[in-house]
Amino acid sequence: ERVMDSNDLERERGITILAKATGVRYHDIKINIVDTPGHSDFGGEVER
């Protein structure tokens, strides 16, 4: 579950700390997804 939260602290706390990129295909169109933290403490990750 929560496969994008890959580091131990993220999995333990159930929060995202590092922004991560992935991609999915829908009808042959590639959609890039960047999963970001929602906390202003990690605001640098959000802005990047």
All heavy atoms as atom14 arrays in JSON, in Angstrom:
{
  "sequence": "ERVMDSNDLERERGITILAKATGVRYHDIKINIVDTPGHSDFGGEVER",
  "atom14_mask": [
    [1, 1, 1, 1, 1, 1, 1, 1, 1, 0, 0, 0, 0, 0],
    [1, 1, 1, 1, 1, 1, 1, 1, 1, 1, 1, 0, 0, 0],
    [1, 1, 1, 1, 1, 1, 1, 0, 0, 0, 0, 0, 0, 0],
    [1, 1, 1, 1, 1, 1, 1, 1, 0, 0, 0, 0, 0, 0],
    [1, 1, 1, 1, 1, 1, 1, 1, 0, 0, 0, 0, 0, 0],
    [1, 1, 1, 1, 1, 1, 0, 0, 0, 0, 0, 0, 0, 0],
    [1, 1, 1, 1, 1, 1, 1, 1, 0, 0, 0, 0, 0, 0],
    [1, 1, 1, 1, 1, 1, 1, 1, 0, 0, 0, 0, 0, 0],
    [1, 1, 1, 1, 1, 1, 1, 1, 0, 0, 0, 0, 0, 0],
    [1, 1, 1, 1, 1, 1, 1, 1, 1, 0, 0, 0, 0, 0],
    [1, 1, 1, 1, 1, 1, 1, 1, 1, 1, 1, 0, 0, 0],
    [1, 1, 1, 1, 1, 1, 1, 1, 1, 0, 0, 0, 0, 0],
    [1, 1, 1, 1, 1, 1, 1, 1, 1, 1, 1, 0, 0, 0],
    [1, 1, 1, 1, 0, 0, 0, 0, 0, 0, 0, 0, 0, 0],
    [1, 1, 1, 1, 1, 1, 1, 1, 0, 0, 0, 0, 0, 0],
    [1, 1, 1, 1, 1, 1, 1, 0, 0, 0, 0, 0, 0, 0],
    [1, 1, 1, 1, 1, 1, 1, 1, 0, 0, 0, 0, 0, 0],
    [1, 1, 1, 1, 1, 1, 1, 1, 0, 0, 0, 0, 0, 0],
    [1, 1, 1, 1, 1, 0, 0, 0, 0, 0, 0, 0, 0, 0],
    [1, 1, 1, 1, 1, 1, 1, 1, 1, 0, 0, 0, 0, 0],
    [1, 1, 1, 1, 1, 0, 0, 0, 0, 0, 0, 0, 0, 0],
    [1, 1, 1, 1, 1, 1, 1, 0, 0, 0, 0, 0, 0, 0],
    [1, 1, 1, 1, 0, 0, 0, 0, 0, 0, 0, 0, 0, 0],
    [1, 1, 1, 1, 1, 1, 1, 0, 0, 0, 0, 0, 0, 0],
    [1, 1, 1, 1, 1, 1, 1, 1, 1, 1, 1, 0, 0, 0],
    [1, 1, 1, 1, 1, 1, 1, 1, 1, 1, 1, 1, 0, 0],
    [1, 1, 1, 1, 1, 1, 1, 1, 1, 1, 0, 0, 0, 0],
    [1, 1, 1, 1, 1, 1, 1, 1, 0, 0, 0, 0, 0, 0],
    [1, 1, 1, 1, 1, 1, 1, 1, 0, 0, 0, 0, 0, 0],
    [1, 1, 1, 1, 1, 1, 1, 1, 1, 0, 0, 0, 0, 0],
    [1, 1, 1, 1, 1, 1, 1, 1, 0, 0, 0, 0, 0, 0],
    [1, 1, 1, 1, 1, 1, 1, 1, 0, 0, 0, 0, 0, 0],
    [1, 1, 1, 1, 1, 1, 1, 1, 0, 0, 0, 0, 0, 0],
    [1, 1, 1, 1, 1, 1, 1, 0, 0, 0, 0, 0, 0, 0],
    [1, 1, 1, 1, 1, 1, 1, 1, 0, 0, 0, 0, 0, 0],
    [1, 1, 1, 1, 1, 1, 1, 0, 0, 0, 0, 0, 0, 0],
    [1, 1, 1, 1, 1, 1, 1, 0, 0, 0, 0, 0, 0, 0],
    [1, 1, 1, 1, 0, 0, 0, 0, 0, 0, 0, 0, 0, 0],
    [1, 1, 1, 1, 1, 1, 1, 1, 1, 1, 0, 0, 0, 0],
    [1, 1, 1, 1, 1, 1, 0, 0, 0, 0, 0, 0, 0, 0],
    [1, 1, 1, 1, 1, 1, 1, 1, 0, 0, 0, 0, 0, 0],
    [1, 1, 1, 1, 1, 1, 1, 1, 1, 1, 1, 0, 0, 0],
    [1, 1, 1, 1, 0, 0, 0, 0, 0, 0, 0, 0, 0, 0],
    [1, 1, 1, 1, 0, 0, 0, 0, 0, 0, 0, 0, 0, 0],
    [1, 1, 1, 1, 1, 1, 1, 1, 1, 0, 0, 0, 0, 0],
    [1, 1, 1, 1, 1, 1, 1, 0, 0, 0, 0, 0, 0, 0],
    [1, 1, 1, 1, 1, 1, 1, 1, 1, 0, 0, 0, 0, 0],
    [1, 1, 1, 1, 1, 1, 1, 1, 1, 1, 1, 0, 0, 0]
  ],
  "atom14_positions": [
    [[0.85, -1.2, 0.0], [0.0, 0.0, 0.0], [0.88, 1.24, 0.0], [2.0, 1.22, 0.49], [-0.87, 0.01, 1.27], [-2.25, -0.56, 1.02], [-3.14, -0.31, 2.23], [-3.16, 0.82, 2.74], [-3.79, -1.27, 2.65], [0.0, 0.0, 0.0], [0.0, 0.0, 0.0], [0.0, 0.0, 0.0], [0.0, 0.0, 0.0], [0.0, 0.0, 0.0]],
    [[0.35, 2.35, -0.5], [1.1, 3.62, -0.57], [2.49, 3.38, -1.15], [3.51, 3.68, -0.56], [1.2, 4.29, 0.81], [-0.14, 4.68, 1.4], [-0.01, 5.64, 2.53], [1.16, 5.41, 3.35], [1.22, 4.54, 4.35], [0.15, 3.83, 4.65], [2.32, 4.4, 5.03], [0.0, 0.0, 0.0], [0.0, 0.0, 0.0], [0.0, 0.0, 0.0]],
    [[2.47, 2.8, -2.33], [3.68, 2.29, -2.94], [4.71, 3.4, -3.23], [5.9, 3.15, -3.25], [3.26, 1.51, -4.22], [2.81, 2.43, -5.31], [4.33, 0.59, -4.68], [0.0, 0.0, 0.0], [0.0, 0.0, 0.0], [0.0, 0.0, 0.0], [0.0, 0.0, 0.0], [0.0, 0.0, 0.0], [0.0, 0.0, 0.0], [0.0, 0.0, 0.0]],
    [[4.25, 4.66, -3.37], [5.19, 5.74, -3.67], [5.95, 6.21, -2.44], [6.97, 6.86, -2.54], [4.45, 6.94, -4.28], [3.79, 6.65, -5.61], [4.97, 6.48, -6.93], [5.4, 8.18, -7.24], [0.0, 0.0, 0.0], [0.0, 0.0, 0.0], [0.0, 0.0, 0.0], [0.0, 0.0, 0.0], [0.0, 0.0, 0.0], [0.0, 0.0, 0.0]],
    [[5.41, 5.92, -1.23], [6.14, 6.31, -0.01], [7.19, 5.25, 0.26], [6.96, 4.28, 0.96], [5.17, 6.44, 1.17], [4.41, 7.75, 1.16], [4.82, 8.65, 0.4], [3.42, 7.88, 1.87], [0.0, 0.0, 0.0], [0.0, 0.0, 0.0], [0.0, 0.0, 0.0], [0.0, 0.0, 0.0], [0.0, 0.0, 0.0], [0.0, 0.0, 0.0]],
    [[8.38, 5.46, -0.29], [9.33, 4.37, -0.34], [10.34, 4.37, 0.8], [10.97, 3.37, 1.05], [10.07, 4.39, -1.68], [10.53, 5.7, -1.94], [0.0, 0.0, 0.0], [0.0, 0.0, 0.0], [0.0, 0.0, 0.0], [0.0, 0.0, 0.0], [0.0, 0.0, 0.0], [0.0, 0.0, 0.0], [0.0, 0.0, 0.0], [0.0, 0.0, 0.0]],
    [[10.52, 5.5, 1.51], [11.52, 5.39, 2.57], [10.86, 5.05, 3.9], [9.66, 5.19, 4.09], [12.45, 6.62, 2.61], [11.86, 7.84, 3.28], [11.11, 7.72, 4.24], [12.18, 9.02, 2.77], [0.0, 0.0, 0.0], [0.0, 0.0, 0.0], [0.0, 0.0, 0.0], [0.0, 0.0, 0.0], [0.0, 0.0, 0.0], [0.0, 0.0, 0.0]],
    [[11.67, 4.55, 4.84], [11.12, 3.94, 6.06], [10.29, 4.92, 6.89], [9.23, 4.57, 7.4], [12.27, 3.39, 6.93], [12.96, 2.22, 6.24], [12.34, 1.65, 5.33], [14.1, 1.89, 6.6], [0.0, 0.0, 0.0], [0.0, 0.0, 0.0], [0.0, 0.0, 0.0], [0.0, 0.0, 0.0], [0.0, 0.0, 0.0], [0.0, 0.0, 0.0]],
    [[10.79, 6.16, 6.99], [10.08, 7.15, 7.8], [8.7, 7.45, 7.2], [7.71, 7.57, 7.91], [10.9, 8.43, 7.89], [10.39, 9.5, 8.85], [10.4, 8.95, 10.28], [11.23, 10.75, 8.77], [0.0, 0.0, 0.0], [0.0, 0.0, 0.0], [0.0, 0.0, 0.0], [0.0, 0.0, 0.0], [0.0, 0.0, 0.0], [0.0, 0.0, 0.0]],
    [[8.65, 7.52, 5.85], [7.36, 7.79, 5.19], [6.39, 6.65, 5.45], [5.21, 6.87, 5.74], [7.58, 7.94, 3.67], [8.31, 9.21, 3.3], [8.57, 9.3, 1.81], [8.99, 8.31, 1.2], [8.34, 10.37, 1.26], [0.0, 0.0, 0.0], [0.0, 0.0, 0.0], [0.0, 0.0, 0.0], [0.0, 0.0, 0.0], [0.0, 0.0, 0.0]],
    [[6.89, 5.42, 5.37], [5.99, 4.28, 5.54], [5.5, 4.2, 6.98], [4.34, 3.88, 7.26], [6.69, 2.98, 5.14], [7.08, 2.94, 3.68], [7.25, 1.53, 3.18], [5.96, 0.86, 3.09], [5.09, 1.03, 2.11], [5.36, 1.83, 1.12], [3.95, 0.4, 2.12], [0.0, 0.0, 0.0], [0.0, 0.0, 0.0], [0.0, 0.0, 0.0]],
    [[6.4, 4.51, 7.91], [6.04, 4.42, 9.33], [5.0, 5.48, 9.69], [4.04, 5.22, 10.4], [7.32, 4.63, 10.15], [7.08, 4.69, 11.65], [8.33, 5.18, 12.38], [9.45, 4.97, 11.88], [8.16, 5.8, 13.43], [0.0, 0.0, 0.0], [0.0, 0.0, 0.0], [0.0, 0.0, 0.0], [0.0, 0.0, 0.0], [0.0, 0.0, 0.0]],
    [[5.17, 6.69, 9.17], [4.29, 7.79, 9.57], [3.1, 7.96, 8.65], [2.19, 8.73, 8.94], [5.08, 9.1, 9.57], [6.28, 9.02, 10.5], [6.43, 10.29, 11.27], [7.4, 10.1, 12.32], [8.01, 11.08, 12.93], [7.73, 12.31, 12.57], [8.85, 10.87, 13.89], [0.0, 0.0, 0.0], [0.0, 0.0, 0.0], [0.0, 0.0, 0.0]],
    [[3.14, 7.32, 7.48], [2.02, 7.46, 6.56], [1.95, 8.82, 5.9], [0.9, 9.28, 5.49], [0.0, 0.0, 0.0], [0.0, 0.0, 0.0], [0.0, 0.0, 0.0], [0.0, 0.0, 0.0], [0.0, 0.0, 0.0], [0.0, 0.0, 0.0], [0.0, 0.0, 0.0], [0.0, 0.0, 0.0], [0.0, 0.0, 0.0], [0.0, 0.0, 0.0]],
    [[3.12, 9.5, 5.81], [3.14, 10.8, 5.13], [4.21, 10.78, 4.05], [5.13, 9.97, 4.09], [3.42, 11.98, 6.1], [4.79, 11.78, 6.79], [2.31, 12.13, 7.11], [5.25, 13.0, 7.56], [0.0, 0.0, 0.0], [0.0, 0.0, 0.0], [0.0, 0.0, 0.0], [0.0, 0.0, 0.0], [0.0, 0.0, 0.0], [0.0, 0.0, 0.0]],
    [[4.06, 11.67, 3.09], [5.04, 11.8, 2.03], [6.0, 12.93, 2.4], [5.56, 14.02, 2.76], [4.33, 12.13, 0.7], [3.39, 11.09, 0.44], [5.32, 12.21, -0.45], [0.0, 0.0, 0.0], [0.0, 0.0, 0.0], [0.0, 0.0, 0.0], [0.0, 0.0, 0.0], [0.0, 0.0, 0.0], [0.0, 0.0, 0.0], [0.0, 0.0, 0.0]],
    [[7.29, 12.67, 2.32], [8.3, 13.68, 2.65], [9.02, 14.12, 1.38], [9.29, 15.3, 1.18], [9.31, 13.12, 3.68], [8.59, 12.8, 4.99], [10.45, 14.11, 3.92], [9.42, 12.04, 6.0], [0.0, 0.0, 0.0], [0.0, 0.0, 0.0], [0.0, 0.0, 0.0], [0.0, 0.0, 0.0], [0.0, 0.0, 0.0], [0.0, 0.0, 0.0]],
    [[9.32, 13.16, 0.51], [10.07, 13.47, -0.71], [9.15, 13.4, -1.91], [8.38, 12.45, -2.05], [11.22, 12.46, -0.89], [12.2, 12.4, 0.29], [13.15, 11.22, 0.13], [12.99, 13.69, 0.38], [0.0, 0.0, 0.0], [0.0, 0.0, 0.0], [0.0, 0.0, 0.0], [0.0, 0.0, 0.0], [0.0, 0.0, 0.0], [0.0, 0.0, 0.0]],
    [[9.23, 14.41, -2.77], [8.44, 14.36, -4.01], [8.99, 13.27, -4.91], [10.19, 13.1, -5.03], [8.52, 15.72, -4.71], [0.0, 0.0, 0.0], [0.0, 0.0, 0.0], [0.0, 0.0, 0.0], [0.0, 0.0, 0.0], [0.0, 0.0, 0.0], [0.0, 0.0, 0.0], [0.0, 0.0, 0.0], [0.0, 0.0, 0.0], [0.0, 0.0, 0.0]],
    [[8.11, 12.5, -5.54], [8.56, 11.4, -6.39], [7.78, 11.43, -7.7], [6.6, 11.77, -7.71], [8.33, 10.06, -5.71], [9.1, 9.93, -4.41], [8.72, 8.66, -3.7], [9.08, 8.73, -2.25], [8.29, 9.72, -1.52], [0.0, 0.0, 0.0], [0.0, 0.0, 0.0], [0.0, 0.0, 0.0], [0.0, 0.0, 0.0], [0.0, 0.0, 0.0]],
    [[8.47, 11.01, -8.76], [7.83, 11.02, -10.07], [7.5, 9.59, -10.48], [8.23, 8.65, -10.19], [8.77, 11.64, -11.1], [0.0, 0.0, 0.0], [0.0, 0.0, 0.0], [0.0, 0.0, 0.0], [0.0, 0.0, 0.0], [0.0, 0.0, 0.0], [0.0, 0.0, 0.0], [0.0, 0.0, 0.0], [0.0, 0.0, 0.0], [0.0, 0.0, 0.0]],
    [[6.38, 9.45, -11.18], [6.06, 8.19, -11.82], [5.3, 8.53, -13.1], [5.06, 9.69, -13.4], [5.23, 7.27, -10.91], [5.01, 6.02, -11.57], [3.88, 7.87, -10.56], [0.0, 0.0, 0.0], [0.0, 0.0, 0.0], [0.0, 0.0, 0.0], [0.0, 0.0, 0.0], [0.0, 0.0, 0.0], [0.0, 0.0, 0.0], [0.0, 0.0, 0.0]],
    [[4.96, 7.52, -13.85], [4.21, 7.76, -15.08], [3.22, 6.63, -15.3], [3.49, 5.48, -14.97], [0.0, 0.0, 0.0], [0.0, 0.0, 0.0], [0.0, 0.0, 0.0], [0.0, 0.0, 0.0], [0.0, 0.0, 0.0], [0.0, 0.0, 0.0], [0.0, 0.0, 0.0], [0.0, 0.0, 0.0], [0.0, 0.0, 0.0], [0.0, 0.0, 0.0]],
    [[2.05, 6.97, -15.84], [1.06, 5.96, -16.21], [0.64, 6.22, -17.64], [0.8, 7.33, -18.16], [-0.17, 5.98, -15.28], [0.22, 5.71, -13.84], [-0.93, 7.29, -15.38], [0.0, 0.0, 0.0], [0.0, 0.0, 0.0], [0.0, 0.0, 0.0], [0.0, 0.0, 0.0], [0.0, 0.0, 0.0], [0.0, 0.0, 0.0], [0.0, 0.0, 0.0]],
    [[0.12, 5.19, -18.26], [-0.41, 5.36, -19.62], [-1.91, 5.17, -19.61], [-2.43, 4.23, -19.02], [0.23, 4.35, -20.58], [1.68, 4.7, -20.84], [2.31, 3.94, -21.99], [3.72, 4.3, -22.08], [4.18, 5.35, -22.73], [3.35, 6.14, -23.38], [5.47, 5.63, -22.75], [0.0, 0.0, 0.0], [0.0, 0.0, 0.0], [0.0, 0.0, 0.0]],
    [[-2.6, 6.1, -20.26], [-4.05, 6.02, -20.37], [-4.38, 6.28, -21.83], [-4.11, 7.36, -22.35], [-4.7, 7.06, -19.45], [-6.21, 7.04, -19.48], [-6.92, 6.01, -18.87], [-6.93, 8.05, -20.13], [-8.3, 5.99, -18.9], [-8.31, 8.04, -20.16], [-9.0, 7.0, -19.54], [-10.37, 6.97, -19.57], [0.0, 0.0, 0.0], [0.0, 0.0, 0.0]],
    [[-4.95, 5.27, -22.49], [-5.25, 5.37, -23.93], [-4.02, 5.83, -24.71], [-4.09, 6.77, -25.52], [-6.4, 6.33, -24.19], [-7.71, 5.85, -23.64], [-7.98, 4.52, -23.41], [-8.82, 6.53, -23.25], [-9.2, 4.4, -22.93], [-9.74, 5.6, -22.81], [0.0, 0.0, 0.0], [0.0, 0.0, 0.0], [0.0, 0.0, 0.0], [0.0, 0.0, 0.0]],
    [[-2.88, 5.22, -24.45], [-1.64, 5.5, -25.19], [-1.08, 6.91, -24.94], [-0.19, 7.35, -25.66], [-1.81, 5.3, -26.71], [-2.05, 3.85, -27.05], [-1.55, 3.0, -26.29], [-2.74, 3.57, -28.03], [0.0, 0.0, 0.0], [0.0, 0.0, 0.0], [0.0, 0.0, 0.0], [0.0, 0.0, 0.0], [0.0, 0.0, 0.0], [0.0, 0.0, 0.0]],
    [[-1.64, 7.63, -23.98], [-1.06, 8.92, -23.62], [-0.34, 8.74, -22.29], [-0.89, 8.18, -21.35], [-2.17, 10.0, -23.47], [-2.83, 10.23, -24.82], [-1.58, 11.3, -22.92], [-4.03, 11.14, -24.77], [0.0, 0.0, 0.0], [0.0, 0.0, 0.0], [0.0, 0.0, 0.0], [0.0, 0.0, 0.0], [0.0, 0.0, 0.0], [0.0, 0.0, 0.0]],
    [[0.91, 9.19, -22.26], [1.65, 9.07, -21.0], [1.34, 10.27, -20.12], [1.44, 11.41, -20.54], [3.15, 8.99, -21.24], [3.9, 8.77, -19.93], [5.35, 8.43, -20.09], [5.95, 8.16, -18.72], [7.4, 8.06, -18.74], [0.0, 0.0, 0.0], [0.0, 0.0, 0.0], [0.0, 0.0, 0.0], [0.0, 0.0, 0.0], [0.0, 0.0, 0.0]],
    [[0.94, 9.98, -18.88], [0.67, 11.02, -17.89], [1.76, 10.91, -16.83], [1.87, 9.89, -16.16], [-0.71, 10.83, -17.23], [-1.83, 10.84, -18.27], [-0.95, 11.89, -16.16], [-3.2, 10.46, -17.73], [0.0, 0.0, 0.0], [0.0, 0.0, 0.0], [0.0, 0.0, 0.0], [0.0, 0.0, 0.0], [0.0, 0.0, 0.0], [0.0, 0.0, 0.0]],
    [[2.59, 11.96, -16.71], [3.56, 12.0, -15.62], [2.88, 12.47, -14.35], [2.1, 13.43, -14.38], [4.72, 12.95, -15.96], [5.67, 12.34, -16.97], [6.04, 11.18, -16.86], [6.07, 13.13, -17.95], [0.0, 0.0, 0.0], [0.0, 0.0, 0.0], [0.0, 0.0, 0.0], [0.0, 0.0, 0.0], [0.0, 0.0, 0.0], [0.0, 0.0, 0.0]],
    [[3.17, 11.79, -13.24], [2.58, 12.15, -11.95], [3.73, 12.43, -10.99], [4.64, 11.61, -10.86], [1.73, 11.0, -11.38], [0.62, 10.59, -12.36], [1.13, 11.38, -10.04], [-0.09, 9.31, -11.98], [0.0, 0.0, 0.0], [0.0, 0.0, 0.0], [0.0, 0.0, 0.0], [0.0, 0.0, 0.0], [0.0, 0.0, 0.0], [0.0, 0.0, 0.0]],
    [[3.67, 13.57, -10.31], [4.64, 13.85, -9.25], [3.86, 13.9, -7.95], [2.98, 14.74, -7.77], [5.38, 15.19, -9.49], [6.44, 15.39, -8.43], [6.0, 15.21, -10.88], [0.0, 0.0, 0.0], [0.0, 0.0, 0.0], [0.0, 0.0, 0.0], [0.0, 0.0, 0.0], [0.0, 0.0, 0.0], [0.0, 0.0, 0.0], [0.0, 0.0, 0.0]],
    [[4.15, 12.96, -7.06], [3.46, 12.88, -5.76], [4.26, 13.73, -4.78], [5.43, 13.46, -4.53], [3.41, 11.42, -5.3], [2.58, 11.23, -4.04], [1.86, 12.18, -3.68], [2.67, 10.16, -3.41], [0.0, 0.0, 0.0], [0.0, 0.0, 0.0], [0.0, 0.0, 0.0], [0.0, 0.0, 0.0], [0.0, 0.0, 0.0], [0.0, 0.0, 0.0]],
    [[3.64, 14.79, -4.25], [4.39, 15.71, -3.39], [3.93, 15.59, -1.95], [2.84, 15.08, -1.68], [4.14, 17.19, -3.79], [2.81, 17.54, -3.37], [4.29, 17.4, -5.26], [0.0, 0.0, 0.0], [0.0, 0.0, 0.0], [0.0, 0.0, 0.0], [0.0, 0.0, 0.0], [0.0, 0.0, 0.0], [0.0, 0.0, 0.0], [0.0, 0.0, 0.0]],
    [[4.72, 16.11, -1.02], [4.22, 16.23, 0.36], [3.11, 17.27, 0.4], [3.02, 18.14, -0.46], [5.44, 16.75, 1.14], [6.6, 16.62, 0.22], [6.08, 16.62, -1.18], [0.0, 0.0, 0.0], [0.0, 0.0, 0.0], [0.0, 0.0, 0.0], [0.0, 0.0, 0.0], [0.0, 0.0, 0.0], [0.0, 0.0, 0.0], [0.0, 0.0, 0.0]],
    [[2.25, 17.18, 1.42], [1.22, 18.2, 1.59], [1.54, 19.13, 2.74], [0.71, 19.93, 3.12], [0.0, 0.0, 0.0], [0.0, 0.0, 0.0], [0.0, 0.0, 0.0], [0.0, 0.0, 0.0], [0.0, 0.0, 0.0], [0.0, 0.0, 0.0], [0.0, 0.0, 0.0], [0.0, 0.0, 0.0], [0.0, 0.0, 0.0], [0.0, 0.0, 0.0]],
    [[2.73, 19.0, 3.31], [3.05, 19.75, 4.53], [3.99, 20.91, 4.2], [4.96, 20.73, 3.48], [3.75, 18.83, 5.55], [2.93, 17.64, 5.91], [2.14, 17.59, 7.03], [2.74, 16.46, 5.27], [1.52, 16.43, 7.07], [1.86, 15.73, 6.02], [0.0, 0.0, 0.0], [0.0, 0.0, 0.0], [0.0, 0.0, 0.0], [0.0, 0.0, 0.0]],
    [[3.71, 22.07, 4.78], [4.57, 23.22, 4.48], [5.97, 23.02, 5.06], [6.92, 23.67, 4.63], [3.95, 24.51, 5.0], [3.67, 24.39, 6.37], [0.0, 0.0, 0.0], [0.0, 0.0, 0.0], [0.0, 0.0, 0.0], [0.0, 0.0, 0.0], [0.0, 0.0, 0.0], [0.0, 0.0, 0.0], [0.0, 0.0, 0.0], [0.0, 0.0, 0.0]],
    [[6.13, 22.09, 6.03], [7.47, 21.79, 6.55], [8.39, 21.31, 5.42], [9.6, 21.49, 5.48], [7.43, 20.66, 7.59], [6.41, 20.9, 8.67], [5.77, 21.95, 8.62], [6.27, 20.04, 9.54], [0.0, 0.0, 0.0], [0.0, 0.0, 0.0], [0.0, 0.0, 0.0], [0.0, 0.0, 0.0], [0.0, 0.0, 0.0], [0.0, 0.0, 0.0]],
    [[7.8, 20.65, 4.44], [8.6, 20.14, 3.32], [8.35, 20.99, 2.08], [8.27, 20.49, 0.97], [8.26, 18.67, 3.06], [8.31, 17.82, 4.3], [7.18, 17.16, 4.76], [9.49, 17.7, 5.03], [7.22, 16.4, 5.92], [9.54, 16.94, 6.19], [8.4, 16.29, 6.63], [0.0, 0.0, 0.0], [0.0, 0.0, 0.0], [0.0, 0.0, 0.0]],
    [[8.21, 22.29, 2.32], [7.8, 23.2, 1.25], [8.75, 23.23, 0.08], [8.34, 23.41, -1.06], [0.0, 0.0, 0.0], [0.0, 0.0, 0.0], [0.0, 0.0, 0.0], [0.0, 0.0, 0.0], [0.0, 0.0, 0.0], [0.0, 0.0, 0.0], [0.0, 0.0, 0.0], [0.0, 0.0, 0.0], [0.0, 0.0, 0.0], [0.0, 0.0, 0.0]],
    [[10.06, 23.05, 0.35], [11.02, 23.05, -0.76], [10.71, 21.95, -1.75], [10.81, 22.13, -2.97], [0.0, 0.0, 0.0], [0.0, 0.0, 0.0], [0.0, 0.0, 0.0], [0.0, 0.0, 0.0], [0.0, 0.0, 0.0], [0.0, 0.0, 0.0], [0.0, 0.0, 0.0], [0.0, 0.0, 0.0], [0.0, 0.0, 0.0], [0.0, 0.0, 0.0]],
    [[10.31, 20.78, -1.23], [9.92, 19.66, -2.11], [8.71, 20.05, -2.95], [8.63, 19.72, -4.13], [9.59, 18.42, -1.27], [10.77, 17.77, -0.59], [11.68, 17.04, -1.58], [11.19, 16.56, -2.62], [12.88, 16.97, -1.31], [0.0, 0.0, 0.0], [0.0, 0.0, 0.0], [0.0, 0.0, 0.0], [0.0, 0.0, 0.0], [0.0, 0.0, 0.0]],
    [[7.75, 20.72, -2.33], [6.54, 21.11, -3.05], [6.89, 22.08, -4.18], [6.46, 21.91, -5.33], [5.52, 21.76, -2.09], [4.31, 22.29, -2.86], [5.07, 20.76, -1.03], [0.0, 0.0, 0.0], [0.0, 0.0, 0.0], [0.0, 0.0, 0.0], [0.0, 0.0, 0.0], [0.0, 0.0, 0.0], [0.0, 0.0, 0.0], [0.0, 0.0, 0.0]],
    [[7.69, 23.1, -3.86], [8.0, 24.12, -4.86], [8.79, 23.54, -6.02], [8.58, 23.91, -7.18], [8.77, 25.27, -4.21], [7.9, 26.07, -3.26], [8.57, 27.34, -2.8], [8.74, 28.24, -3.63], [8.92, 27.42, -1.62], [0.0, 0.0, 0.0], [0.0, 0.0, 0.0], [0.0, 0.0, 0.0], [0.0, 0.0, 0.0], [0.0, 0.0, 0.0]],
    [[9.7, 22.63, -5.72], [10.48, 22.01, -6.81], [9.58, 21.15, -7.69], [9.69, 21.15, -8.91], [11.61, 21.17, -6.23], [12.62, 21.99, -5.47], [13.96, 21.32, -5.45], [13.96, 20.05, -4.75], [14.31, 19.9, -3.48], [14.67, 20.95, -2.77], [14.3, 18.72, -2.91], [0.0, 0.0, 0.0], [0.0, 0.0, 0.0], [0.0, 0.0, 0.0]]
  ]
}
